[in-house]
Amino acid sequence: MEQVTLYVASETGTFCDFMGRTQVGIKYKEKGDAEWSCDYITSISGFAYERNYEYELLVEKTVLANPPADGGNVEYKLISIISKSEVVI
């Protein structure tokens, strides 16, 4: 496991779950990544997402050696919220 900075977008996105259904989730990316990923709103353990806010988080990242069939191979756990800023539309 390692500590990484994670950015969470103010708007939600969509993704396909393991059953092929379209789901609404949070958009996030690790520091240094160019592309946004999208996953379940509850995908960061201990983090309560609020729409219309951008976040910079310090998280614990664990890469799973044997991921579950219905999930990804990475787990994130919130350590602290570095910043939270409202995006006015």
C-alpha atoms as a PDB file:
ATOM      1  CA  MET A   1       0.000   0.000   0.000  1.00  0.00           C
ATOM      2  CA  GLU A   2       1.055   3.591  -0.598  1.00  0.00           C
ATOM      3  CA  GLN A   3      -0.188   7.120   0.018  1.00  0.00           C
ATOM      4  CA  VAL A   4      -1.284   9.055  -3.067  1.00  0.00           C
ATOM      5  CA  THR A   5      -3.019  12.330  -3.855  1.00  0.00           C
ATOM      6  CA  LEU A   6      -6.407  11.858  -5.471  1.00  0.00           C
ATOM      7  CA  TYR A   7      -8.459  14.569  -7.194  1.00  0.00           C
ATOM      8  CA  VAL A   8     -12.261  14.267  -7.257  1.00  0.00           C
ATOM      9  CA  ALA A   9     -14.272  16.257  -9.807  1.00  0.00           C
ATOM     10  CA  SER A  10     -17.282  18.385  -8.918  1.00  0.00           C
ATOM     11  CA  GLU A  11     -19.495  16.619 -11.446  1.00  0.00           C
ATOM     12  CA  THR A  12     -20.417  12.956 -11.670  1.00  0.00           C
ATOM     13  CA  GLY A  13     -19.799  10.676 -14.615  1.00  0.00           C
ATOM     14  CA  THR A  14     -21.014   7.309 -15.882  1.00  0.00           C
ATOM     15  CA  PHE A  15     -19.366   3.905 -16.097  1.00  0.00           C
ATOM     16  CA  CYS A  16     -20.369   0.309 -16.786  1.00  0.00           C
ATOM     17  CA  ASP A  17     -20.462  -1.991 -13.771  1.00  0.00           C
ATOM     18  CA  PHE A  18     -19.370  -5.633 -13.848  1.00  0.00           C
ATOM     19  CA  MET A  19     -22.841  -6.642 -15.085  1.00  0.00           C
ATOM     20  CA  GLY A  20     -22.652  -4.198 -18.020  1.00  0.00           C
ATOM     21  CA  ARG A  21     -25.162  -1.749 -16.537  1.00  0.00           C
ATOM     22  CA  THR A  22     -24.537   2.000 -16.771  1.00  0.00           C
ATOM     23  CA  GLN A  23     -23.995   3.547 -13.338  1.00  0.00           C
ATOM     24  CA  VAL A  24     -23.510   7.128 -12.141  1.00  0.00           C
ATOM     25  CA  GLY A  25     -20.362   7.636 -10.086  1.00  0.00           C
ATOM     26  CA  ILE A  26     -17.605   9.996  -9.024  1.00  0.00           C
ATOM     27  CA  LYS A  27     -14.884  11.125 -11.400  1.00  0.00           C
ATOM     28  CA  TYR A  28     -11.387  10.967  -9.939  1.00  0.00           C
ATOM     29  CA  LYS A  29      -7.736  10.788 -10.919  1.00  0.00           C
ATOM     30  CA  GLU A  30      -4.446  10.296  -9.164  1.00  0.00           C
ATOM     31  CA  LYS A  31      -1.889  13.096  -9.146  1.00  0.00           C
ATOM     32  CA  GLY A  32       0.004  12.940 -12.430  1.00  0.00           C
ATOM     33  CA  ASP A  33      -2.766  11.147 -14.358  1.00  0.00           C
ATOM     34  CA  ALA A  34      -4.137  12.876 -17.444  1.00  0.00           C
ATOM     35  CA  GLU A  35      -7.406  10.960 -17.701  1.00  0.00           C
ATOM     36  CA  TRP A  36     -10.333  10.848 -15.283  1.00  0.00           C
ATOM     37  CA  SER A  37     -11.657   7.515 -14.031  1.00  0.00           C
ATOM     38  CA  CYS A  38     -15.204   6.931 -12.837  1.00  0.00           C
ATOM     39  CA  ASP A  39     -16.399   4.541 -10.127  1.00  0.00           C
ATOM     40  CA  TYR A  40     -19.080   4.094  -7.463  1.00  0.00           C
ATOM     41  CA  ILE A  41     -19.685   7.120  -5.225  1.00  0.00           C
ATOM     42  CA  THR A  42     -18.691   4.916  -2.270  1.00  0.00           C
ATOM     43  CA  SER A  43     -15.435   3.744  -3.893  1.00  0.00           C
ATOM     44  CA  ILE A  44     -13.224   5.754  -1.510  1.00  0.00           C
ATOM     45  CA  SER A  45     -13.615   4.277   1.964  1.00  0.00           C
ATOM     46  CA  GLY A  46     -14.365   6.937   4.585  1.00  0.00           C
ATOM     47  CA  PHE A  47     -15.112   9.671   2.026  1.00  0.00           C
ATOM     48  CA  ALA A  48     -18.540  11.324   1.684  1.00  0.00           C
ATOM     49  CA  TYR A  49     -18.842  12.870  -1.788  1.00  0.00           C
ATOM     50  CA  GLU A  50     -20.808  16.096  -2.254  1.00  0.00           C
ATOM     51  CA  ARG A  51     -21.706  17.141  -5.788  1.00  0.00           C
ATOM     52  CA  ASN A  52     -20.538  20.628  -6.937  1.00  0.00           C
ATOM     53  CA  TYR A  53     -17.352  20.393  -4.858  1.00  0.00           C
ATOM     54  CA  GLU A  54     -13.858  19.618  -6.102  1.00  0.00           C
ATOM     55  CA  TYR A  55     -11.609  17.734  -3.721  1.00  0.00           C
ATOM     56  CA  GLU A  56      -7.941  17.057  -3.252  1.00  0.00           C
ATOM     57  CA  LEU A  57      -7.549  14.011  -1.018  1.00  0.00           C
ATOM     58  CA  LEU A  58      -4.707  12.144   0.615  1.00  0.00           C
ATOM     59  CA  VAL A  59      -5.602   8.468   0.397  1.00  0.00           C
ATOM     60  CA  GLU A  60      -4.116   5.079   1.112  1.00  0.00           C
ATOM     61  CA  LYS A  61      -3.992   3.064  -2.122  1.00  0.00           C
ATOM     62  CA  THR A  62      -3.939  -0.719  -1.981  1.00  0.00           C
ATOM     63  CA  VAL A  63      -3.499  -2.826  -5.110  1.00  0.00           C
ATOM     64  CA  LEU A  64      -5.292  -6.129  -4.556  1.00  0.00           C
ATOM     65  CA  ALA A  65      -3.437  -9.292  -5.545  1.00  0.00           C
ATOM     66  CA  ASN A  66      -6.726 -11.238  -5.807  1.00  0.00           C
ATOM     67  CA  PRO A  67      -9.477  -8.708  -6.628  1.00  0.00           C
ATOM     68  CA  PRO A  68     -13.128  -9.728  -6.359  1.00  0.00           C
ATOM     69  CA  ALA A  69     -14.863 -10.678  -9.603  1.00  0.00           C
ATOM     70  CA  ASP A  70     -17.333  -7.801  -9.141  1.00  0.00           C
ATOM     71  CA  GLY A  71     -14.785  -5.095  -8.375  1.00  0.00           C
ATOM     72  CA  GLY A  72     -11.550  -3.446  -9.347  1.00  0.00           C
ATOM     73  CA  ASN A  73      -8.019  -4.258  -8.323  1.00  0.00           C
ATOM     74  CA  VAL A  74      -7.431  -0.985  -6.422  1.00  0.00           C
ATOM     75  CA  GLU A  75      -8.915   0.165  -3.112  1.00  0.00           C
ATOM     76  CA  TYR A  76      -8.711   3.712  -1.743  1.00  0.00           C
ATOM     77  CA  LYS A  77      -9.097   4.712   1.910  1.00  0.00           C
ATOM     78  CA  LEU A  78      -9.361   8.364   2.942  1.00  0.00           C
ATOM     79  CA  ILE A  79      -6.561   9.674   5.154  1.00  0.00           C
ATOM     80  CA  SER A  80      -7.432  13.377   4.940  1.00  0.00           C
ATOM     81  CA  ILE A  81      -9.151  16.029   2.830  1.00  0.00           C
ATOM     82  CA  ILE A  82      -6.435  18.427   1.665  1.00  0.00           C
ATOM     83  CA  SER A  83      -8.886  20.839   0.048  1.00  0.00           C
ATOM     84  CA  LYS A  84     -12.571  21.132  -0.753  1.00  0.00           C
ATOM     85  CA  SER A  85     -13.815  23.960  -2.941  1.00  0.00           C
ATOM     86  CA  GLU A  86     -17.289  24.699  -4.224  1.00  0.00           C
ATOM     87  CA  VAL A  87     -17.717  25.017  -7.975  1.00  0.00           C
ATOM     88  CA  VAL A  88     -20.410  27.577  -8.773  1.00  0.00           C
ATOM     89  CA  ILE A  89     -22.233  26.867 -12.025  1.00  0.00           C
END
